[in-house]
Amino acid sequence: MQLYGVQSIALRHFLEVARCGSISEASEHLNVAASAVSRQIAKLERDMNCVLFERRARGMLLSDAGARLAAYARKAELEAREVIAEIRDLQGLQRGVVKIGCSEGFAMEFLPGAIAEFRREYQGIHFTLEVFPPTVATEKVRTGEVDLALTFSLSPEREIKVEHAFLGIIKAIVANNHPLAGRAQVTLAELQPYPIALPMPNTTLRQLFDICCSVQGLYFEPALTSNYFGAMYQFVMDGGGISLAGELTLHNRVVHRDVQAIAIADGEMQKRRVELQSMAGRTLPSAVAVFRDFLVAKLAAAEPSLLGEHAGQ
């Protein structure tokens, strides 16, 4: 749907070039001549008396001023679409779509269960749920490709509003017949004798693990490295060794005694946070806002028991 009259042509052309990094590619997406796109960018730069892009041999790179304008333009584009959708469909929470990005662990149990529970009351609201590495999930929120992200973070992120956050506890996951089963806690050094399955280096869990091992002079050669937690979980279940996971990732399976989760005593392993993120400054559509509030309540209810278990170990 084109938003003529709601968002300026110049801003739409600017935003497409920012997305593509190229005037020629943007012109193809917009179905207009490259010269027309170039004129709109030049007009914006004249009107604002600043350079919005660094022109390079292989494309266009946003300047600092351009990055600020892009952040505004993304919000304007999203809000324009949302206003038009609400005007065309004044059915409140009877209809709507919520787009969620998340780290894989939250897609295992927590988010599917939360969505199913929410839709018992709001059956007209539909969801898309995509799994990304933590930094990518955050970037998807920043660019407006998803409405909310439930992910892990090691530091504050620009242009991101944190709707809710708490300590992202990491535990060792073992089969019920593993030699470490029954332990209240273990150190990383005590995990060394056993084969271990680890996630890819682009995850916050692996980054923390590698940092802690480096500080302590510990060396692990993973028996399995995977970007799919289901594979690591099955590796543990089949007696291949141990793995690591966030508290919420396998909560139901731990409760049902399918596997055991053991606290990790090394304090540096507990430095990441679980964050529910949205785009800073954006007015969320009604359906998204109501689900956000529902999710915050679910996370807040889970948090005391998770932190209580950790504090007592």
Protein backbone atom coordinates (compact mmCIF):
# COMPACT_ATOMS: atom_id res chain seq x y z
CA MET A 1 0.00 0.00 0.00
CA GLN A 2 1.44 3.40 -1.00
CA LEU A 3 1.23 6.19 1.57
CA TYR A 4 0.98 9.24 -0.69
CA GLY A 5 0.02 12.29 1.33
CA VAL A 6 0.83 10.55 4.59
CA GLN A 7 4.57 10.22 4.17
CA SER A 8 6.53 12.41 1.72
CA ILE A 9 7.93 10.95 -1.50
CA ALA A 10 11.38 12.26 -0.59
CA LEU A 11 11.34 10.47 2.77
CA ARG A 12 10.14 7.22 1.21
CA HIS A 13 12.88 7.37 -1.41
CA PHE A 14 15.48 8.25 1.22
CA LEU A 15 14.41 5.34 3.44
CA GLU A 16 14.55 2.86 0.56
CA VAL A 17 18.08 3.95 -0.34
CA ALA A 18 19.04 3.61 3.34
CA ARG A 19 17.64 0.07 3.35
CA CYS A 20 19.25 -1.00 0.09
CA GLY A 21 22.52 0.92 0.29
CA SER A 22 22.17 1.71 -3.41
CA ILE A 23 20.18 4.17 -5.54
CA SER A 24 19.86 1.70 -8.42
CA GLU A 25 18.51 -1.09 -6.18
CA ALA A 26 16.16 1.34 -4.43
CA SER A 27 14.83 2.51 -7.80
CA GLU A 28 13.98 -1.09 -8.73
CA HIS A 29 12.10 -1.63 -5.46
CA LEU A 30 10.23 1.67 -5.84
CA ASN A 31 9.64 1.14 -9.58
CA VAL A 32 10.86 4.63 -10.43
CA ALA A 33 13.88 5.89 -12.36
CA ALA A 34 17.20 6.03 -10.53
CA SER A 35 17.52 9.69 -11.54
CA ALA A 36 14.22 10.47 -9.78
CA VAL A 37 15.44 8.80 -6.60
CA SER A 38 18.72 10.71 -6.82
CA ARG A 39 16.84 14.02 -7.24
CA GLN A 40 14.72 13.34 -4.14
CA ILE A 41 17.81 12.60 -2.06
CA ALA A 42 19.52 15.75 -3.35
CA LYS A 43 16.38 17.78 -2.53
CA LEU A 44 16.34 16.46 1.03
CA GLU A 45 20.01 17.31 1.47
CA ARG A 46 19.43 20.84 0.16
CA ASP A 47 16.38 21.40 2.36
CA MET A 48 18.20 20.10 5.45
CA ASN A 49 21.56 21.67 4.53
CA CYS A 50 23.48 18.51 5.35
CA VAL A 51 24.93 15.40 3.74
CA LEU A 52 22.73 12.34 4.36
CA PHE A 53 24.85 9.73 2.59
CA GLU A 54 28.52 9.07 2.02
CA ARG A 55 28.81 8.24 -1.69
CA ARG A 56 31.10 5.25 -2.14
CA ALA A 57 32.13 3.17 -5.15
CA ARG A 58 30.03 0.25 -3.97
CA GLY A 59 27.00 2.09 -2.68
CA MET A 60 25.57 4.65 -0.29
CA LEU A 61 26.39 4.70 3.44
CA LEU A 62 24.35 6.77 5.89
CA SER A 63 26.12 9.73 7.49
CA ASP A 64 25.48 10.53 11.16
CA ALA A 65 22.78 12.98 10.12
CA GLY A 66 21.33 10.40 7.72
CA ALA A 67 21.18 7.77 10.46
CA ARG A 68 19.14 10.15 12.65
CA LEU A 69 16.76 10.91 9.79
CA ALA A 70 16.43 7.17 8.99
CA ALA A 71 15.38 6.44 12.57
CA TYR A 72 12.68 9.14 12.28
CA ALA A 73 11.57 7.96 8.84
CA ARG A 74 11.14 4.35 9.98
CA LYS A 75 8.87 5.46 12.84
CA ALA A 76 6.92 7.75 10.51
CA GLU A 77 6.42 4.94 7.98
CA LEU A 78 5.23 2.47 10.62
CA GLU A 79 2.89 4.95 12.29
CA ALA A 80 1.42 6.03 8.95
CA ARG A 81 0.59 2.42 8.08
CA GLU A 82 -0.88 1.85 11.54
CA VAL A 83 -3.10 4.94 11.39
CA ILE A 84 -4.42 3.92 7.97
CA ALA A 85 -5.05 0.36 9.18
CA GLU A 86 -6.96 1.61 12.23
CA ILE A 87 -9.05 4.00 10.12
CA ARG A 88 -9.91 1.24 7.65
CA ASP A 89 -10.60 -1.34 10.33
CA LEU A 90 -12.24 0.15 13.42
CA GLN A 91 -12.74 -3.22 15.09
CA GLY A 92 -10.45 -2.62 18.06
CA LEU A 93 -8.83 -5.83 19.25
CA GLN A 94 -11.02 -8.04 17.10
CA ARG A 95 -8.31 -8.04 14.45
CA GLY A 96 -4.58 -7.39 14.29
CA VAL A 97 -1.15 -8.83 13.60
CA VAL A 98 1.74 -8.92 16.06
CA LYS A 99 5.23 -9.55 14.64
CA ILE A 100 7.73 -10.96 17.13
CA GLY A 101 11.43 -11.69 16.86
CA CYS A 102 13.19 -13.75 19.50
CA SER A 103 16.26 -15.72 20.47
CA GLU A 104 15.75 -19.42 19.84
CA GLY A 105 15.39 -20.40 23.49
CA PHE A 106 12.20 -18.36 23.86
CA ALA A 107 10.66 -20.07 20.82
CA MET A 108 11.08 -23.50 22.41
CA GLU A 109 8.35 -23.19 25.06
CA PHE A 110 7.72 -19.74 26.50
CA LEU A 111 6.46 -17.67 23.56
CA PRO A 112 4.32 -20.35 21.87
CA GLY A 113 2.62 -20.98 25.22
CA ALA A 114 2.10 -17.26 25.84
CA ILE A 115 0.64 -16.74 22.35
CA ALA A 116 -1.74 -19.68 22.75
CA GLU A 117 -2.94 -18.35 26.11
CA PHE A 118 -3.38 -14.81 24.76
CA ARG A 119 -5.41 -15.98 21.75
CA ARG A 120 -7.96 -17.72 23.97
CA GLU A 121 -9.27 -14.22 24.65
CA TYR A 122 -8.23 -12.43 21.44
CA GLN A 123 -8.83 -14.96 18.67
CA GLY A 124 -8.80 -12.33 15.93
CA ILE A 125 -5.19 -11.37 16.63
CA HIS A 126 -2.59 -13.30 14.64
CA PHE A 127 1.15 -13.62 15.15
CA THR A 128 4.36 -14.11 13.24
CA LEU A 129 7.27 -15.46 15.28
CA GLU A 130 10.79 -15.47 13.81
CA VAL A 131 13.98 -16.73 15.45
CA PHE A 132 17.18 -14.69 15.17
CA PRO A 133 20.53 -14.32 16.94
CA PRO A 134 20.15 -11.71 19.73
CA THR A 135 21.77 -8.81 17.87
CA VAL A 136 19.69 -9.50 14.76
CA ALA A 137 16.44 -9.64 16.77
CA THR A 138 17.28 -6.22 18.21
CA GLU A 139 18.09 -4.84 14.76
CA LYS A 140 14.75 -6.11 13.44
CA VAL A 141 13.02 -4.03 16.14
CA ARG A 142 15.17 -1.01 15.33
CA THR A 143 14.21 -1.15 11.65
CA GLY A 144 10.53 -1.91 12.33
CA GLU A 145 10.57 -5.36 10.74
CA VAL A 146 9.19 -6.81 13.97
CA ASP A 147 7.07 -5.11 16.62
CA LEU A 148 8.65 -6.75 19.66
CA ALA A 149 11.77 -8.77 20.41
CA LEU A 150 12.29 -11.10 23.34
CA THR A 151 16.00 -11.62 23.42
CA PHE A 152 19.22 -11.51 25.44
CA SER A 153 21.41 -8.44 25.82
CA LEU A 154 24.83 -7.72 27.29
CA SER A 155 24.67 -3.90 26.99
CA PRO A 156 22.20 -1.07 26.24
CA GLU A 157 21.12 -0.63 22.60
CA ARG A 158 20.46 2.63 20.76
CA GLU A 159 16.91 3.42 19.54
CA ILE A 160 15.53 0.55 21.63
CA LYS A 161 12.99 0.79 24.44
CA VAL A 162 13.30 -1.97 27.04
CA GLU A 163 9.74 -2.84 28.05
CA HIS A 164 10.87 -5.35 30.69
CA ALA A 165 14.18 -6.90 31.74
CA PHE A 166 15.60 -9.31 34.26
CA LEU A 167 18.66 -11.48 34.86
CA GLY A 168 19.07 -14.18 32.20
CA ILE A 169 20.22 -17.12 34.31
CA ILE A 170 22.31 -19.76 32.51
CA LYS A 171 22.38 -23.37 33.71
CA ALA A 172 24.11 -26.60 32.78
CA ILE A 173 21.70 -29.12 31.22
CA VAL A 174 22.31 -32.83 31.85
CA ALA A 175 20.43 -36.08 31.39
CA ASN A 176 18.90 -37.66 34.48
CA ASN A 177 21.53 -40.43 34.50
CA HIS A 178 24.53 -38.15 33.98
CA PRO A 179 27.29 -38.21 36.66
CA LEU A 180 26.53 -34.55 37.49
CA ALA A 181 22.77 -35.15 37.88
CA GLY A 182 21.52 -34.22 41.32
CA ARG A 183 24.14 -31.54 41.92
CA ALA A 184 22.89 -28.18 43.22
CA GLN A 185 25.56 -26.26 41.35
CA VAL A 186 28.74 -26.75 39.34
CA THR A 187 31.66 -24.61 38.20
CA LEU A 188 32.80 -24.35 34.61
CA ALA A 189 35.98 -26.19 35.57
CA GLU A 190 33.87 -29.15 36.75
CA LEU A 191 32.29 -29.39 33.28
CA GLN A 192 35.63 -29.94 31.54
CA PRO A 193 35.75 -33.75 31.79
CA TYR A 194 32.48 -34.13 29.85
CA PRO A 195 31.60 -33.71 26.17
CA ILE A 196 29.72 -30.45 25.71
CA ALA A 197 27.32 -29.06 23.10
CA LEU A 198 27.52 -25.29 22.62
CA PRO A 199 25.67 -22.69 20.53
CA MET A 200 27.35 -20.63 17.82
CA PRO A 201 29.70 -17.75 18.73
CA ASN A 202 27.11 -15.12 17.71
CA THR A 203 24.95 -15.90 20.77
CA THR A 204 25.25 -14.10 24.11
CA LEU A 205 25.47 -17.44 25.93
CA ARG A 206 28.49 -18.55 23.90
CA GLN A 207 30.12 -15.13 24.19
CA LEU A 208 29.84 -15.20 27.98
CA PHE A 209 31.06 -18.80 28.09
CA ASP A 210 34.12 -18.01 25.96
CA ILE A 211 34.97 -14.91 28.03
CA CYS A 212 34.69 -16.80 31.34
CA CYS A 213 36.79 -19.68 30.04
CA SER A 214 39.44 -17.28 28.75
CA VAL A 215 39.66 -15.45 32.10
CA GLN A 216 40.03 -18.75 33.97
CA GLY A 217 42.36 -20.36 31.44
CA LEU A 218 39.87 -23.13 30.69
CA TYR A 219 39.76 -24.86 27.32
CA PHE A 220 36.76 -26.69 25.88
CA GLU A 221 36.59 -28.40 22.51
CA PRO A 222 32.85 -28.74 21.87
CA ALA A 223 31.66 -32.17 20.82
CA LEU A 224 28.80 -30.39 19.05
CA THR A 225 28.38 -26.79 17.93
CA SER A 226 24.97 -25.85 16.53
CA ASN A 227 22.69 -22.91 15.76
CA TYR A 228 19.68 -25.08 16.66
CA PHE A 229 19.01 -25.67 20.34
CA GLY A 230 16.79 -28.65 19.61
CA ALA A 231 19.88 -30.51 18.35
CA MET A 232 21.83 -29.72 21.52
CA TYR A 233 18.90 -30.76 23.70
CA GLN A 234 18.60 -34.09 21.87
CA PHE A 235 22.38 -34.56 22.22
CA VAL A 236 21.93 -34.31 26.01
CA MET A 237 18.88 -36.58 26.04
CA ASP A 238 20.72 -39.26 24.04
CA GLY A 239 23.63 -39.33 26.48
CA GLY A 240 26.06 -37.43 24.27
CA GLY A 241 27.11 -35.06 27.03
CA ILE A 242 26.06 -31.77 28.60
CA SER A 243 24.90 -28.40 27.28
CA LEU A 244 24.01 -24.93 28.54
CA ALA A 245 20.70 -23.08 28.38
CA GLY A 246 18.82 -20.09 29.75
CA GLU A 247 16.37 -20.67 32.58
CA LEU A 248 13.24 -20.18 30.45
CA THR A 249 14.44 -22.29 27.51
CA LEU A 250 13.63 -25.72 28.97
CA HIS A 251 11.60 -24.72 32.02
CA ASN A 252 8.72 -27.12 31.37
CA ARG A 253 11.03 -30.01 30.50
CA VAL A 254 12.99 -29.48 33.71
CA VAL A 255 9.76 -29.33 35.72
CA HIS A 256 8.63 -32.59 34.10
CA ARG A 257 12.05 -34.14 34.88
CA ASP A 258 12.95 -34.82 31.25
CA VAL A 259 16.37 -33.28 31.98
CA GLN A 260 18.06 -31.58 34.92
CA ALA A 261 19.24 -27.95 35.07
CA ILE A 262 22.18 -27.24 37.38
CA ALA A 263 23.16 -23.76 38.54
CA ILE A 264 26.55 -22.50 37.38
CA ALA A 265 28.55 -21.04 40.26
CA ASP A 266 30.76 -18.77 38.13
CA GLY A 267 29.26 -15.30 38.61
CA GLU A 268 30.45 -13.98 35.25
CA MET A 269 28.14 -16.46 33.53
CA GLN A 270 25.13 -14.53 34.85
CA LYS A 271 25.87 -11.14 33.31
CA ARG A 272 23.32 -11.13 30.48
CA ARG A 273 19.76 -9.84 30.68
CA VAL A 274 16.49 -11.02 29.20
CA GLU A 275 14.87 -8.03 27.50
CA LEU A 276 11.49 -7.41 25.89
CA GLN A 277 12.29 -4.71 23.35
CA SER A 278 10.32 -2.30 21.17
CA MET A 279 11.33 0.61 18.95
CA ALA A 280 12.07 3.72 21.01
CA GLY A 281 9.60 6.53 20.35
CA ARG A 282 7.12 4.38 18.44
CA THR A 283 3.42 4.36 19.30
CA LEU A 284 2.54 0.67 19.20
CA PRO A 285 -0.69 -0.50 17.51
CA SER A 286 -3.43 -1.53 19.91
CA ALA A 287 -2.98 -5.28 19.36
CA VAL A 288 0.79 -5.06 19.89
CA ALA A 289 0.42 -2.87 22.99
CA VAL A 290 -2.05 -5.25 24.62
CA PHE A 291 0.13 -8.28 23.90
CA ARG A 292 3.18 -6.39 25.20
CA ASP A 293 1.37 -5.76 28.50
CA PHE A 294 0.31 -9.41 28.66
CA LEU A 295 3.89 -10.56 28.02
CA VAL A 296 5.35 -8.18 30.62
CA ALA A 297 2.96 -9.65 33.19
CA LYS A 298 3.97 -13.21 32.21
CA LEU A 299 7.66 -12.38 32.49
CA ALA A 300 7.20 -10.57 35.80
CA ALA A 301 5.34 -13.58 37.19
CA ALA A 302 8.15 -15.93 36.13
CA GLU A 303 10.95 -13.68 37.37
CA PRO A 304 10.59 -14.10 41.17
CA SER A 305 10.77 -17.90 41.00
CA LEU A 306 13.73 -17.81 38.60
CA LEU A 307 15.67 -15.30 40.69
CA GLY A 308 14.62 -17.02 43.90
CA GLU A 309 16.07 -20.32 42.75
CA HIS A 310 19.29 -18.63 41.69
CA ALA A 311 19.65 -16.58 44.88
CA GLY A 312 19.31 -19.66 47.05
CA GLN A 313 22.07 -21.59 45.31
